[in-house]
Amino acid sequence: MDLTEHCISSEIMAQGGLLTVKRDTVRLPNGNTSHREYVMHPGAVVVVPVLANGNVVLERQFRYPLHQVFIELPAGKIDPDEDVLKTGQRELLEETGYSANEWVKLGAQHPCIGYSNEVIHIYLATGLVAGKHQRDEDETLEVFEVKFEDCLLMIQRGEITDGKTIVAMFLAEKYLQQHGK
């Protein structure tokens, strides 16, 4: 069964520095037409940085759309023509000051398939080396570390609700279990 919807026309409803909102007219598989509104996003990378002692490097950061502070893993958007691994390496250093000697791609997620084309690439970073963060002028956050197991408990207790962090932590847990780390 062909479930594909085909674009007949497309218009930009709004455009900013990060996001573009589009409205397309589409032909449905049954031949009818409909409209689809969605957000174009450049994509992002989230990193699970695990220290030699087994602790995870986390961040507290105020997120304006929800007007609250969230606990999350280091992450950031992919710059134009940037390799996703380079994005992860750049964001880890910028936000936390850490660099990593070992990188493993754990997978990817599409967090908002009903209204966005965003994809978030997920990496595990180990062999961490401390350095100086290189945050943007408009970036304020607190970096701290938590035992891996405690981080999973924080998810279960609802202290960590960020979707990319939850997915990344569960993928990292499975990877580390399977590889005896």
Protein backbone atom coordinates (compact mmCIF):
# COMPACT_ATOMS: atom_id res chain seq x y z
CA MET A 1 0.00 0.00 0.00
CA ASP A 2 1.41 3.39 -0.99
CA LEU A 3 0.98 5.83 1.89
CA THR A 4 3.01 8.66 0.35
CA GLU A 5 1.60 12.17 0.21
CA HIS A 6 2.86 14.30 -2.69
CA CYS A 7 3.47 18.06 -2.49
CA ILE A 8 1.41 20.12 -4.94
CA SER A 9 2.49 23.54 -3.65
CA SER A 10 4.44 24.97 -0.74
CA GLU A 11 4.53 28.33 1.01
CA ILE A 12 6.68 29.73 3.79
CA MET A 13 4.47 31.06 6.59
CA ALA A 14 7.29 32.30 8.85
CA GLN A 15 11.07 32.24 8.83
CA GLY A 16 13.54 32.96 11.60
CA GLY A 17 17.18 32.36 12.34
CA LEU A 18 16.64 28.73 13.38
CA LEU A 19 13.22 27.61 12.15
CA THR A 20 11.06 27.89 9.05
CA VAL A 21 7.31 27.23 9.19
CA LYS A 22 5.82 25.92 5.95
CA ARG A 23 2.32 25.11 4.70
CA ASP A 24 2.07 22.62 1.86
CA THR A 25 -0.88 21.51 -0.19
CA VAL A 26 -0.57 17.76 -0.70
CA ARG A 27 -2.20 15.05 -2.74
CA LEU A 28 -3.22 12.18 -0.49
CA PRO A 29 -2.89 8.52 -1.49
CA ASN A 30 -6.67 8.40 -2.11
CA GLY A 31 -6.41 11.31 -4.59
CA ASN A 32 -7.90 14.00 -2.32
CA THR A 33 -5.96 17.11 -1.32
CA SER A 34 -5.14 18.43 2.14
CA HIS A 35 -2.79 20.85 3.90
CA ARG A 36 0.26 20.11 6.03
CA GLU A 37 1.85 22.72 8.29
CA TYR A 38 5.28 21.89 9.65
CA VAL A 39 8.52 23.26 11.04
CA MET A 40 11.80 22.91 9.17
CA HIS A 41 14.72 22.38 11.59
CA PRO A 42 18.44 21.98 10.73
CA GLY A 43 18.80 18.95 13.03
CA ALA A 44 20.76 18.51 16.22
CA VAL A 45 23.14 16.27 18.13
CA VAL A 46 22.88 15.15 21.74
CA VAL A 47 25.88 13.72 23.60
CA VAL A 48 25.96 11.31 26.55
CA PRO A 49 29.32 12.22 28.13
CA VAL A 50 30.43 9.53 30.59
CA LEU A 51 33.40 10.24 32.84
CA ALA A 52 35.99 7.62 33.84
CA ASN A 53 34.24 7.29 37.24
CA GLY A 54 30.97 6.36 35.47
CA ASN A 55 29.25 9.68 36.09
CA VAL A 56 27.29 11.48 33.38
CA VAL A 57 27.91 15.16 32.63
CA LEU A 58 24.58 17.00 32.69
CA GLU A 59 23.42 20.59 32.37
CA ARG A 60 20.78 22.76 33.95
CA GLN A 61 19.46 25.28 31.46
CA PHE A 62 16.51 27.67 31.30
CA ARG A 63 14.32 26.90 28.30
CA TYR A 64 12.29 29.93 27.31
CA PRO A 65 9.31 28.26 25.54
CA LEU A 66 8.35 26.51 28.79
CA HIS A 67 9.75 29.19 31.15
CA GLN A 68 11.58 26.75 33.37
CA VAL A 69 14.96 25.20 34.07
CA PHE A 70 15.52 21.73 32.66
CA ILE A 71 18.14 19.07 33.29
CA GLU A 72 19.52 17.77 30.03
CA LEU A 73 22.52 16.37 28.22
CA PRO A 74 24.81 18.61 26.14
CA ALA A 75 23.27 19.18 22.72
CA GLY A 76 23.06 21.65 19.90
CA LYS A 77 21.97 22.31 16.36
CA ILE A 78 23.89 21.23 13.31
CA ASP A 79 25.49 24.14 11.44
CA PRO A 80 25.12 24.25 7.63
CA ASP A 81 27.27 21.57 5.93
CA GLU A 82 28.60 20.38 9.30
CA ASP A 83 29.24 16.68 9.92
CA VAL A 84 27.04 15.43 12.78
CA LEU A 85 30.00 14.02 14.74
CA LYS A 86 31.74 17.40 14.48
CA THR A 87 28.57 19.01 15.83
CA GLY A 88 28.63 16.71 18.85
CA GLN A 89 32.32 17.36 19.48
CA ARG A 90 31.83 21.12 19.13
CA GLU A 91 28.78 21.25 21.38
CA LEU A 92 30.38 19.11 24.11
CA LEU A 93 33.42 21.40 24.23
CA GLU A 94 31.44 24.65 23.93
CA GLU A 95 28.93 23.84 26.65
CA THR A 96 30.93 21.76 29.14
CA GLY A 97 34.62 22.27 28.39
CA TYR A 98 35.09 18.53 27.90
CA SER A 99 36.49 16.82 24.84
CA ALA A 100 36.31 13.06 24.31
CA ASN A 101 38.71 10.50 22.90
CA GLU A 102 36.05 7.91 22.07
CA TRP A 103 32.78 8.48 20.23
CA VAL A 104 30.06 5.94 19.46
CA LYS A 105 26.95 6.76 17.45
CA LEU A 106 24.02 5.28 19.33
CA GLY A 107 21.29 6.20 16.86
CA ALA A 108 18.92 9.00 15.97
CA GLN A 109 15.45 10.14 16.90
CA HIS A 110 12.72 12.20 15.25
CA PRO A 111 11.18 14.00 18.25
CA CYS A 112 8.19 15.69 16.61
CA ILE A 113 7.16 13.70 13.51
CA GLY A 114 3.70 15.26 13.40
CA TYR A 115 4.92 18.80 12.84
CA SER A 116 8.69 18.95 12.30
CA ASN A 117 11.43 17.39 10.15
CA GLU A 118 13.93 17.59 13.04
CA VAL A 119 16.30 14.68 13.54
CA ILE A 120 18.52 14.39 16.62
CA HIS A 121 21.68 12.29 16.31
CA ILE A 122 22.77 10.57 19.52
CA TYR A 123 26.38 9.93 20.58
CA LEU A 124 28.12 8.36 23.56
CA ALA A 125 31.35 10.17 24.46
CA THR A 126 33.98 8.57 26.73
CA GLY A 127 37.63 9.15 27.48
CA LEU A 128 36.70 12.67 28.57
CA VAL A 129 39.35 15.33 29.05
CA ALA A 130 38.44 18.46 31.04
CA GLY A 131 39.07 21.89 29.55
CA LYS A 132 37.50 25.33 29.38
CA HIS A 133 33.99 25.78 28.02
CA GLN A 134 33.43 28.06 25.02
CA ARG A 135 29.79 29.02 25.43
CA ASP A 136 28.06 31.55 23.23
CA GLU A 137 27.41 34.97 24.81
CA ASP A 138 23.67 34.21 25.02
CA GLU A 139 24.17 30.76 26.58
CA THR A 140 23.92 30.37 30.36
CA LEU A 141 23.94 26.95 31.95
CA GLU A 142 25.19 24.99 34.94
CA VAL A 143 27.30 21.87 34.31
CA PHE A 144 27.30 19.08 36.90
CA GLU A 145 27.80 15.32 37.09
CA VAL A 146 25.57 12.54 38.36
CA LYS A 147 26.08 8.79 38.72
CA PHE A 148 24.74 6.99 35.65
CA GLU A 149 22.24 4.97 37.72
CA ASP A 150 21.04 8.13 39.50
CA CYS A 151 20.47 9.80 36.15
CA LEU A 152 18.16 6.94 35.16
CA LEU A 153 16.34 7.30 38.49
CA MET A 154 15.94 11.04 37.83
CA ILE A 155 14.17 10.12 34.59
CA GLN A 156 11.88 7.66 36.39
CA ARG A 157 11.05 10.25 39.08
CA GLY A 158 10.22 12.91 36.48
CA GLU A 159 13.15 15.16 37.37
CA ILE A 160 14.46 14.80 33.81
CA THR A 161 11.68 15.26 31.27
CA ASP A 162 13.65 16.37 28.20
CA GLY A 163 12.88 13.86 25.44
CA LYS A 164 16.29 13.82 23.77
CA THR A 165 17.99 13.24 27.13
CA ILE A 166 15.65 10.38 28.03
CA VAL A 167 16.08 8.60 24.70
CA ALA A 168 19.85 9.12 24.70
CA MET A 169 20.25 7.82 28.25
CA PHE A 170 18.25 4.66 27.53
CA LEU A 171 20.25 3.98 24.35
CA ALA A 172 23.50 4.56 26.26
CA GLU A 173 22.37 2.23 29.03
CA LYS A 174 21.67 -0.56 26.52
CA TYR A 175 24.97 0.01 24.70
CA LEU A 176 27.01 -0.03 27.91
CA GLN A 177 25.21 -3.18 29.14
CA GLN A 178 25.87 -4.99 25.86
CA HIS A 179 29.52 -3.97 25.75
CA GLY A 180 30.26 -4.69 29.41
CA LYS A 181 31.19 -1.13 30.28
